[in-house]
Amino acid sequence: MADSGLRDKVPPSNLEAEKATLGAVFINSSSLLTVLDYLRPDDFYKNAHKKIFQAMLNLDSRNENVDILTVNQELKNSGDLDSAGGAAYVASLTSEVPTSANVEYYAKIVQEASVRRSLINTASEIISGAFDDTNGTGQVIEDAERKIFEITEKSHVGSYRSVRELVSDAVSSIEKRMMAKADCIGVPSGYTDLDSLTNGFQPSDFVVIGARPSVGKTALALSMAANMAIRKNIKVGFFSLEQDANSIMQRLLAGESRVNSRSIRSGFLSEIQLEKLMDSANRIYENMPLFICDTPGMRLLDLRTEARRMKSKEDIDVIFIDYIGLIGSENKLIPRHEQVAEISRSLKELARELKIPVIVLSQVKREVGSDKPTLADLRESGSIEQDADLVMFLHRGKQNDKDDDGADPDRLGKEIDVIVAKNRNGPVGEIKLMFLPAYTRFESVSRDKE
């Protein structure tokens, strides 16, 4: 428990800086705009200073002059003049500072003290929540992270930029892409036709890949992850809620080595197959920045925490989650479709918070059959469709509707339609990829034919 002696300590504050800030505004009312970049009335520790600053804001909102006389009158009208120290105290604030030139410095000091007080209050709330047995541990941790993040956001200074700056940056970015001859401006999937349609997966995007069971969602996600990590050195976080990490690695090895996945699982490998497998294993070991979390039945709060940890420690560029239907909700009492809606919104928020694409796999309704799936066919919640920035479906005809784990290993491949059904930042359309069931891997159609 926290030291009980902390209760007797005075919370962090700097009354001299508070007086100097208010005095500077009285000397030059235009400096109020600078102060507002850092402070709000509650950031002042002394109650009198809160009331004086609020009176200044009230006057400014009505486009009235902010000076000693008008502030005193505003305080008198609101009945706060006495609690603000009286007219003499308000007038004395101008003597606390000779000039308004350093108002930003004073405001920052006041802000820092306010942030420290917020941290102390938040720490007390976290301690109280930790002692409350009705709260799950995951909920306590999530609340703590959220409250700390709110304090960080509160202390962030916003800013605007002129179009002169923005247009220069935009032109510079375009010129760099022209020189680099990049296929896309986001995180590339590794499939040229798909990247041409989507321009890659954009930062803060919530991406959904949907398909019926056994069509190849996991195989496509792993193929994309391998394309990103091995061939582009993009750092990938992969959450596998359905298969353990060892199974994931076997599928990756099969895809990279072009060794039949059934042979890998059975252990019946020829010398040539073993050599190819070892070469791929070495290449993955040395050049694949892929980080796998295989916790089964993972709850939403735990997933968000682990994703933040991956971003903080490994600086990952993209996250895959296989799949949304297996993410557990903290609130088991609400209907499942509401749970999924909560999970969907939270994952979209996570993408924006981490500023990376979050790619989530989702099942579609079995009733779809051989028909091409649509946005309405996403299972369990319509909110997935609403929250997603990009929605893709995998579809294959009824005649090719077999297991995707090697049920027909002798065939060269199966053409799969990838339907981009929603693209908030670009066009929709369809492309084809070749699924190689023996290797549980997707390739571009043109490459496979070659």
Protein backbone atom coordinates (compact mmCIF):
# COMPACT_ATOMS: atom_id res chain seq x y z
CA MET A 1 0.00 0.00 0.00
CA ALA A 2 1.03 3.59 -0.48
CA ASP A 3 2.75 5.28 2.45
CA SER A 4 0.10 6.87 4.67
CA GLY A 5 2.45 9.83 5.09
CA LEU A 6 1.64 10.85 1.53
CA ARG A 7 -1.73 12.04 2.74
CA ASP A 8 -0.05 14.85 4.69
CA LYS A 9 1.93 16.11 1.68
CA VAL A 10 0.80 19.18 -0.26
CA PRO A 11 -0.09 18.29 -3.87
CA PRO A 12 2.32 19.59 -6.53
CA SER A 13 1.64 23.24 -7.35
CA ASN A 14 3.39 26.50 -8.14
CA LEU A 15 1.29 29.47 -7.02
CA GLU A 16 3.90 31.98 -8.19
CA ALA A 17 3.69 30.59 -11.74
CA GLU A 18 -0.12 30.67 -11.57
CA LYS A 19 -0.04 34.34 -10.52
CA ALA A 20 2.52 35.15 -13.23
CA THR A 21 0.37 33.48 -15.89
CA LEU A 22 -2.75 35.44 -14.94
CA GLY A 23 -0.77 38.64 -14.56
CA ALA A 24 0.74 38.23 -18.03
CA VAL A 25 -2.75 37.92 -19.53
CA PHE A 26 -3.79 41.13 -17.77
CA ILE A 27 -0.74 42.89 -19.22
CA ASN A 28 -1.36 41.57 -22.74
CA SER A 29 -4.76 39.98 -23.35
CA SER A 30 -3.60 38.42 -26.64
CA SER A 31 -1.35 36.10 -24.62
CA LEU A 32 -4.52 34.28 -23.52
CA LEU A 33 -4.35 32.28 -26.78
CA THR A 34 -0.87 31.05 -25.83
CA VAL A 35 -2.03 30.07 -22.36
CA LEU A 36 -4.98 28.14 -23.79
CA ASP A 37 -2.55 25.84 -25.61
CA TYR A 38 -1.57 24.49 -22.19
CA LEU A 39 -4.17 25.29 -19.55
CA ARG A 40 -7.82 25.07 -18.60
CA PRO A 41 -9.37 26.42 -15.35
CA ASP A 42 -9.01 23.08 -13.53
CA ASP A 43 -5.25 23.13 -14.15
CA PHE A 44 -4.88 25.91 -11.58
CA TYR A 45 -4.37 24.64 -8.03
CA LYS A 46 -5.68 27.67 -6.14
CA ASN A 47 -9.45 27.96 -6.35
CA ALA A 48 -9.28 31.76 -6.68
CA HIS A 49 -7.07 31.40 -9.74
CA LYS A 50 -9.50 28.92 -11.31
CA LYS A 51 -12.32 31.45 -10.98
CA ILE A 52 -10.24 34.33 -12.34
CA PHE A 53 -9.15 32.28 -15.38
CA GLN A 54 -12.73 31.13 -16.00
CA ALA A 55 -13.85 34.77 -15.95
CA MET A 56 -11.19 35.56 -18.55
CA LEU A 57 -12.48 32.76 -20.76
CA ASN A 58 -16.08 33.92 -20.37
CA LEU A 59 -15.13 37.42 -21.51
CA ASP A 60 -13.05 36.12 -24.40
CA SER A 61 -15.91 33.88 -25.60
CA ARG A 62 -18.08 37.03 -25.88
CA ASN A 63 -15.31 38.93 -27.68
CA GLU A 64 -15.03 41.38 -24.79
CA ASN A 65 -11.80 42.92 -23.53
CA VAL A 66 -9.93 41.00 -20.86
CA ASP A 67 -8.48 43.38 -18.27
CA ILE A 68 -8.62 43.96 -14.52
CA LEU A 69 -11.84 45.99 -14.60
CA THR A 70 -13.78 43.63 -16.88
CA VAL A 71 -12.62 40.52 -14.99
CA ASN A 72 -13.63 42.03 -11.64
CA GLN A 73 -17.03 42.90 -13.07
CA GLU A 74 -17.45 39.39 -14.51
CA LEU A 75 -16.59 37.88 -11.12
CA LYS A 76 -18.99 40.23 -9.40
CA ASN A 77 -21.79 39.31 -11.81
CA SER A 78 -21.25 35.61 -11.19
CA GLY A 79 -21.02 36.06 -7.41
CA ASP A 80 -17.41 34.81 -7.33
CA LEU A 81 -15.54 38.02 -6.60
CA ASP A 82 -15.07 37.35 -2.88
CA SER A 83 -14.03 33.70 -3.38
CA ALA A 84 -11.57 34.90 -6.05
CA GLY A 85 -9.78 37.03 -3.44
CA GLY A 86 -11.55 40.33 -4.02
CA ALA A 87 -10.91 43.19 -6.41
CA ALA A 88 -7.65 44.14 -4.70
CA TYR A 89 -6.20 40.64 -5.13
CA VAL A 90 -7.13 40.54 -8.81
CA ALA A 91 -5.47 43.90 -9.38
CA SER A 92 -2.34 42.79 -7.53
CA LEU A 93 -1.64 40.03 -10.06
CA THR A 94 -0.08 42.45 -12.54
CA SER A 95 2.66 43.18 -10.05
CA GLU A 96 3.73 39.51 -10.10
CA VAL A 97 5.29 39.77 -13.55
CA PRO A 98 6.98 42.68 -15.36
CA THR A 99 6.14 41.50 -18.91
CA SER A 100 4.02 38.99 -20.77
CA ALA A 101 6.96 37.79 -22.87
CA ASN A 102 7.50 34.66 -20.75
CA VAL A 103 3.85 33.65 -20.45
CA GLU A 104 4.39 30.34 -22.25
CA TYR A 105 7.12 29.40 -19.77
CA TYR A 106 4.83 30.18 -16.81
CA ALA A 107 1.94 28.24 -18.36
CA LYS A 108 4.13 25.15 -18.85
CA ILE A 109 5.11 25.20 -15.16
CA VAL A 110 1.45 25.33 -14.15
CA GLN A 111 0.63 22.53 -16.58
CA GLU A 112 3.39 20.25 -15.26
CA ALA A 113 2.13 20.64 -11.71
CA SER A 114 -1.41 19.89 -12.89
CA VAL A 115 -0.25 16.72 -14.66
CA ARG A 116 1.50 15.55 -11.50
CA ARG A 117 -1.66 16.10 -9.47
CA SER A 118 -3.63 14.13 -12.07
CA LEU A 119 -1.12 11.29 -11.82
CA ILE A 120 -1.50 11.24 -8.03
CA ASN A 121 -5.30 11.14 -8.30
CA THR A 122 -5.16 8.46 -10.97
CA ALA A 123 -2.75 6.37 -8.89
CA SER A 124 -5.21 6.54 -5.99
CA GLU A 125 -8.03 5.39 -8.27
CA ILE A 126 -5.88 2.53 -9.59
CA ILE A 127 -5.05 1.42 -6.04
CA SER A 128 -8.71 1.56 -5.08
CA GLY A 129 -9.67 -0.47 -8.16
CA ALA A 130 -6.98 -3.07 -7.40
CA PHE A 131 -8.49 -3.62 -3.94
CA ASP A 132 -11.98 -4.05 -5.41
CA ASP A 133 -12.46 -7.82 -5.83
CA THR A 134 -15.45 -7.28 -8.12
CA ASN A 135 -13.10 -6.00 -10.85
CA GLY A 136 -11.18 -8.51 -12.96
CA THR A 137 -7.41 -8.07 -13.13
CA GLY A 138 -7.57 -7.41 -16.86
CA GLN A 139 -10.17 -4.68 -16.30
CA VAL A 140 -8.00 -3.02 -13.63
CA ILE A 141 -4.98 -3.01 -15.98
CA GLU A 142 -7.03 -1.71 -18.91
CA ASP A 143 -8.51 1.09 -16.75
CA ALA A 144 -5.03 2.03 -15.55
CA GLU A 145 -3.66 2.22 -19.10
CA ARG A 146 -6.65 4.24 -20.29
CA LYS A 147 -6.38 6.76 -17.46
CA ILE A 148 -2.65 7.24 -17.97
CA PHE A 149 -3.23 7.66 -21.71
CA GLU A 150 -5.92 10.30 -21.01
CA ILE A 151 -3.44 12.27 -18.92
CA THR A 152 -0.88 12.06 -21.73
CA GLU A 153 -3.44 13.27 -24.27
CA LYS A 154 -4.51 16.09 -21.97
CA SER A 155 -0.96 17.41 -21.71
CA HIS A 156 -0.42 17.27 -25.49
CA VAL A 157 -0.25 20.65 -27.17
CA GLY A 158 -2.27 20.81 -30.36
CA SER A 159 -1.14 22.81 -33.35
CA TYR A 160 -2.29 23.82 -36.79
CA ARG A 161 -0.32 23.99 -40.01
CA SER A 162 -0.69 26.22 -43.02
CA VAL A 163 -1.37 24.83 -46.49
CA ARG A 164 2.04 26.15 -47.53
CA GLU A 165 3.65 23.61 -45.21
CA LEU A 166 1.20 20.87 -46.11
CA VAL A 167 1.47 21.23 -49.86
CA SER A 168 5.28 21.17 -49.64
CA ASP A 169 5.17 17.98 -47.59
CA ALA A 170 2.65 16.40 -49.96
CA VAL A 171 4.72 17.20 -53.06
CA SER A 172 7.86 15.92 -51.34
CA SER A 173 6.08 12.66 -50.47
CA ILE A 174 4.87 12.24 -54.07
CA GLU A 175 8.36 12.86 -55.44
CA LYS A 176 9.83 10.25 -53.09
CA ARG A 177 7.28 7.68 -54.25
CA MET A 178 8.05 8.50 -57.90
CA MET A 179 11.78 8.00 -57.33
CA ALA A 180 11.23 4.81 -55.34
CA LYS A 181 8.76 3.43 -57.89
CA ALA A 182 6.77 2.00 -55.00
CA ASP A 183 3.81 -0.22 -55.80
CA CYS A 184 1.84 1.12 -52.86
CA ILE A 185 2.05 3.82 -50.20
CA GLY A 186 0.97 1.64 -47.28
CA VAL A 187 2.12 -1.70 -45.88
CA PRO A 188 2.26 -4.03 -48.94
CA SER A 189 0.50 -7.39 -48.88
CA GLY A 190 3.08 -8.82 -51.28
CA TYR A 191 0.48 -9.36 -54.03
CA THR A 192 0.85 -6.80 -56.81
CA ASP A 193 -2.75 -6.83 -58.05
CA LEU A 194 -4.14 -6.45 -54.54
CA ASP A 195 -1.71 -3.68 -53.63
CA SER A 196 -2.56 -1.84 -56.85
CA LEU A 197 -6.22 -1.88 -55.85
CA THR A 198 -5.78 -0.94 -52.18
CA ASN A 199 -2.48 1.00 -52.25
CA GLY A 200 -1.44 -1.22 -49.35
CA PHE A 201 -2.70 -1.29 -45.78
CA GLN A 202 -2.70 2.24 -44.39
CA PRO A 203 -1.66 3.33 -40.88
CA SER A 204 -4.61 3.36 -38.43
CA ASP A 205 -6.72 1.22 -40.80
CA PHE A 206 -8.97 -1.52 -39.44
CA VAL A 207 -8.90 -4.27 -42.10
CA VAL A 208 -11.19 -7.30 -42.19
CA ILE A 209 -10.56 -10.48 -44.20
CA GLY A 210 -13.69 -12.62 -44.30
CA ALA A 211 -14.44 -16.10 -45.65
CA ARG A 212 -16.32 -19.28 -44.90
CA PRO A 213 -14.47 -21.89 -42.81
CA SER A 214 -11.68 -23.77 -44.63
CA VAL A 215 -11.41 -21.35 -47.54
CA GLY A 216 -7.97 -20.09 -46.56
CA LYS A 217 -8.20 -17.05 -44.25
CA THR A 218 -5.33 -18.14 -42.04
CA ALA A 219 -3.23 -19.24 -45.03
CA LEU A 220 -3.66 -15.82 -46.66
CA ALA A 221 -2.84 -13.98 -43.42
CA LEU A 222 0.32 -16.05 -42.92
CA SER A 223 1.31 -15.61 -46.58
CA MET A 224 0.92 -11.85 -46.24
CA ALA A 225 2.86 -11.86 -42.96
CA ALA A 226 5.70 -13.81 -44.62
CA ASN A 227 5.70 -11.47 -47.63
CA MET A 228 5.93 -8.46 -45.32
CA ALA A 229 8.46 -9.81 -42.83
CA ILE A 230 10.88 -11.79 -45.04
CA ARG A 231 10.75 -9.86 -48.30
CA LYS A 232 10.11 -6.32 -47.03
CA ASN A 233 11.60 -6.49 -43.50
CA ILE A 234 8.32 -5.16 -42.08
CA LYS A 235 7.81 -5.97 -38.40
CA VAL A 236 4.65 -8.05 -37.96
CA GLY A 237 2.67 -8.97 -34.85
CA PHE A 238 0.50 -12.09 -35.27
CA PHE A 239 -2.18 -13.08 -32.75
CA SER A 240 -3.24 -16.69 -33.28
CA LEU A 241 -6.24 -17.53 -31.12
CA GLU A 242 -7.03 -20.74 -32.99
CA GLN A 243 -3.66 -22.49 -33.51
CA ASP A 244 -0.57 -22.72 -31.34
CA ALA A 245 2.72 -21.12 -32.33
CA ASN A 246 4.26 -24.46 -33.34
CA SER A 247 1.46 -25.11 -35.86
CA ILE A 248 1.86 -21.59 -37.22
CA MET A 249 5.59 -22.13 -37.69
CA GLN A 250 5.03 -25.43 -39.50
CA ARG A 251 2.66 -23.71 -41.92
CA LEU A 252 5.18 -20.92 -42.48
CA LEU A 253 7.95 -23.45 -43.13
CA ALA A 254 5.77 -25.35 -45.61
CA GLY A 255 4.95 -22.17 -47.49
CA GLU A 256 8.51 -20.87 -47.61
CA SER A 257 10.22 -24.17 -48.41
CA ARG A 258 7.56 -25.52 -50.82
CA VAL A 259 7.62 -28.79 -48.89
CA ASN A 260 4.27 -30.58 -48.58
CA SER A 261 2.65 -29.68 -45.26
CA ARG A 262 1.47 -33.27 -44.75
CA SER A 263 5.04 -34.52 -45.05
CA ILE A 264 6.13 -32.00 -42.44
CA ARG A 265 3.37 -33.07 -40.03
CA SER A 266 4.06 -36.77 -40.53
CA GLY A 267 7.85 -36.47 -40.45
CA PHE A 268 8.28 -38.51 -43.67
CA LEU A 269 10.71 -36.23 -45.47
CA SER A 270 13.19 -36.98 -48.23
CA GLU A 271 16.75 -35.65 -48.04
CA ILE A 272 15.92 -32.99 -50.62
CA GLN A 273 12.81 -31.93 -48.68
CA LEU A 274 14.77 -31.76 -45.43
CA GLU A 275 17.45 -29.65 -47.08
CA LYS A 276 14.84 -27.23 -48.46
CA LEU A 277 13.18 -27.11 -45.06
CA MET A 278 16.46 -26.31 -43.27
CA ASP A 279 17.32 -23.58 -45.78
CA SER A 280 13.94 -21.94 -45.21
CA ALA A 281 14.26 -22.32 -41.44
CA ASN A 282 17.62 -20.52 -41.51
CA ARG A 283 16.21 -17.76 -43.69
CA ILE A 284 13.24 -17.31 -41.34
CA TYR A 285 15.52 -17.38 -38.30
CA GLU A 286 17.80 -14.68 -39.65
CA ASN A 287 15.44 -12.41 -41.59
CA MET A 288 11.88 -12.64 -40.31
CA PRO A 289 10.78 -9.95 -37.80
CA LEU A 290 7.56 -11.79 -36.91
CA PHE A 291 6.23 -11.93 -33.34
CA ILE A 292 3.56 -14.51 -32.52
CA CYS A 293 1.15 -14.57 -29.57
CA ASP A 294 -0.81 -17.83 -29.36
CA THR A 295 -2.76 -17.40 -26.11
CA PRO A 296 -6.04 -19.35 -26.52
CA GLY A 297 -9.34 -17.68 -25.61
CA MET A 298 -7.62 -14.33 -25.28
CA ARG A 299 -9.75 -11.56 -23.87
CA LEU A 300 -9.99 -8.18 -25.53
CA LEU A 301 -8.24 -6.32 -22.72
CA ASP A 302 -5.33 -8.76 -22.70
CA LEU A 303 -5.01 -8.53 -26.49
CA ARG A 304 -4.88 -4.74 -26.41
CA THR A 305 -2.27 -4.81 -23.65
CA GLU A 306 -0.10 -7.29 -25.52
CA ALA A 307 -0.43 -5.28 -28.75
CA ARG A 308 0.74 -2.13 -26.95
CA ARG A 309 3.67 -4.10 -25.54
CA MET A 310 4.62 -5.36 -29.02
CA LYS A 311 4.49 -1.82 -30.36
CA SER A 312 6.52 -0.42 -27.49
CA LYS A 313 9.23 -3.12 -27.42
CA GLU A 314 9.41 -4.27 -31.05
CA ASP A 315 7.98 -1.24 -32.91
CA ILE A 316 5.76 -3.48 -35.05
CA ASP A 317 4.35 -2.05 -38.27
CA VAL A 318 1.20 -4.19 -38.63
CA ILE A 319 -0.93 -6.60 -36.57
CA PHE A 320 -2.84 -9.71 -37.69
CA ILE A 321 -5.55 -11.28 -35.50
CA ASP A 322 -6.85 -14.79 -36.25
CA TYR A 323 -9.75 -14.41 -35.64
CA ILE A 324 -12.27 -11.93 -34.20
CA GLY A 325 -14.85 -14.57 -33.24
CA LEU A 326 -12.42 -16.09 -30.71
CA ILE A 327 -11.68 -12.86 -28.83
CA GLY A 328 -13.30 -12.95 -25.40
CA SER A 329 -15.27 -10.02 -24.02
CA GLU A 330 -15.05 -8.79 -20.44
CA ASN A 331 -18.81 -8.39 -20.31
CA LYS A 332 -20.31 -11.86 -20.62
CA LEU A 333 -23.81 -10.68 -19.68
CA ILE A 334 -24.58 -8.82 -22.90
CA PRO A 335 -25.61 -10.64 -26.13
CA ARG A 336 -22.80 -11.94 -28.32
CA HIS A 337 -23.50 -9.50 -31.15
CA GLU A 338 -23.04 -6.63 -28.68
CA GLN A 339 -19.82 -8.19 -27.44
CA VAL A 340 -18.50 -8.40 -31.01
CA ALA A 341 -19.56 -4.79 -31.63
CA GLU A 342 -17.56 -3.73 -28.58
CA ILE A 343 -14.55 -5.77 -29.76
CA SER A 344 -14.77 -4.32 -33.27
CA ARG A 345 -14.86 -0.72 -32.03
CA SER A 346 -12.01 -1.39 -29.65
CA LEU A 347 -9.80 -2.86 -32.40
CA LYS A 348 -10.47 0.16 -34.59
CA GLU A 349 -9.45 2.39 -31.67
CA LEU A 350 -6.33 0.26 -31.21
CA ALA A 351 -5.32 0.80 -34.84
CA ARG A 352 -5.69 4.56 -34.42
CA GLU A 353 -3.87 4.56 -31.08
CA LEU A 354 -0.87 2.57 -32.39
CA LYS A 355 -1.04 4.22 -35.84
CA ILE A 356 -0.59 0.89 -37.64
CA PRO A 357 -2.91 -1.34 -39.69
CA VAL A 358 -4.81 -3.94 -37.67
CA ILE A 359 -5.86 -6.84 -39.91
CA VAL A 360 -8.56 -9.10 -38.47
CA LEU A 361 -9.90 -12.38 -39.83
CA SER A 362 -13.63 -13.03 -39.63
CA GLN A 363 -15.99 -15.81 -40.64
CA VAL A 364 -18.97 -15.25 -42.90
CA LYS A 365 -22.31 -16.97 -42.59
CA ARG A 366 -22.40 -20.60 -43.73
CA GLU A 367 -25.68 -19.92 -45.55
CA VAL A 368 -23.69 -18.04 -48.19
CA GLY A 369 -22.88 -21.38 -49.83
CA SER A 370 -21.36 -20.99 -53.28
CA ASP A 371 -22.62 -17.41 -53.65
CA LYS A 372 -20.10 -14.60 -53.37
CA PRO A 373 -20.17 -13.12 -49.84
CA THR A 374 -21.24 -9.54 -49.23
CA LEU A 375 -20.79 -7.12 -46.34
CA ALA A 376 -24.10 -8.27 -44.86
CA ASP A 377 -22.70 -11.81 -44.52
CA LEU A 378 -20.11 -10.98 -41.84
CA ARG A 379 -21.01 -13.10 -38.85
CA GLU A 380 -22.23 -11.99 -35.42
CA SER A 381 -22.30 -8.21 -35.79
CA GLY A 382 -22.98 -5.54 -38.41
CA SER A 383 -20.64 -3.22 -36.53
CA ILE A 384 -17.64 -4.99 -38.07
CA GLU A 385 -18.74 -3.72 -41.48
CA GLN A 386 -19.28 -0.20 -40.10
CA ASP A 387 -15.97 0.02 -38.23
CA ALA A 388 -13.78 -1.47 -40.97
CA ASP A 389 -11.86 0.76 -43.35
CA LEU A 390 -11.17 -2.13 -45.73
CA VAL A 391 -13.13 -5.38 -46.09
CA MET A 392 -11.96 -8.27 -48.27
CA PHE A 393 -13.65 -11.62 -48.86
CA LEU A 394 -12.15 -14.89 -50.10
CA HIS A 395 -14.39 -16.93 -52.36
CA ARG A 396 -14.07 -20.08 -54.39
CA GLY A 397 -16.68 -21.93 -56.40
CA LYS A 398 -18.54 -24.94 -55.08
CA GLN A 399 -16.52 -27.31 -57.21
CA ASN A 400 -13.33 -26.25 -55.43
CA ASP A 401 -14.81 -26.10 -51.94
CA LYS A 402 -12.40 -28.49 -50.20
CA ASP A 403 -10.24 -28.26 -47.10
CA ASP A 404 -7.44 -25.70 -47.33
CA ASP A 405 -4.93 -27.84 -45.42
CA GLY A 406 -3.89 -30.13 -48.23
CA ALA A 407 -6.97 -32.22 -49.05
CA ASP A 408 -5.94 -32.27 -52.69
CA PRO A 409 -2.12 -31.97 -52.58
CA ASP A 410 -1.44 -33.10 -56.13
CA ARG A 411 -3.25 -30.19 -57.73
CA LEU A 412 -1.07 -27.24 -58.65
CA GLY A 413 -3.45 -24.78 -57.10
CA LYS A 414 -6.91 -23.33 -56.80
CA GLU A 415 -7.87 -19.90 -58.04
CA ILE A 416 -9.46 -17.87 -55.25
CA ASP A 417 -11.38 -14.65 -55.78
CA VAL A 418 -10.32 -11.85 -53.44
CA ILE A 419 -13.26 -9.45 -53.32
CA VAL A 420 -12.53 -5.95 -52.00
CA ALA A 421 -16.09 -5.13 -50.91
CA LYS A 422 -15.33 -1.98 -48.95
CA ASN A 423 -12.45 0.45 -49.31
CA ARG A 424 -12.92 3.69 -47.44
CA ASN A 425 -9.93 5.30 -49.18
CA GLY A 426 -10.14 3.87 -52.67
CA PRO A 427 -11.94 1.68 -55.20
CA VAL A 428 -13.53 -1.72 -54.71
CA GLY A 429 -13.07 -4.66 -57.06
CA GLU A 430 -11.88 -8.24 -57.45
CA ILE A 431 -8.56 -9.92 -58.10
CA LYS A 432 -7.49 -13.55 -58.26
CA LEU A 433 -4.86 -15.35 -56.19
CA MET A 434 -3.64 -18.92 -56.46
CA PHE A 435 -4.01 -21.05 -53.35
CA LEU A 436 -1.50 -23.91 -53.09
CA PRO A 437 -3.11 -26.33 -50.60
CA ALA A 438 -0.08 -28.61 -50.34
CA TYR A 439 1.98 -25.70 -49.00
CA THR A 440 -0.90 -23.78 -47.32
CA ARG A 441 0.26 -20.71 -49.21
CA PHE A 442 -1.13 -18.08 -51.57
CA GLU A 443 0.72 -16.82 -54.64
CA SER A 444 -0.06 -14.37 -57.41
CA VAL A 445 -1.79 -16.09 -60.32
CA SER A 446 0.84 -14.93 -62.82
CA ARG A 447 3.70 -16.18 -60.66
CA ASP A 448 2.14 -19.59 -60.20
CA LYS A 449 1.55 -19.98 -63.93
CA GLU A 450 5.17 -19.08 -64.62
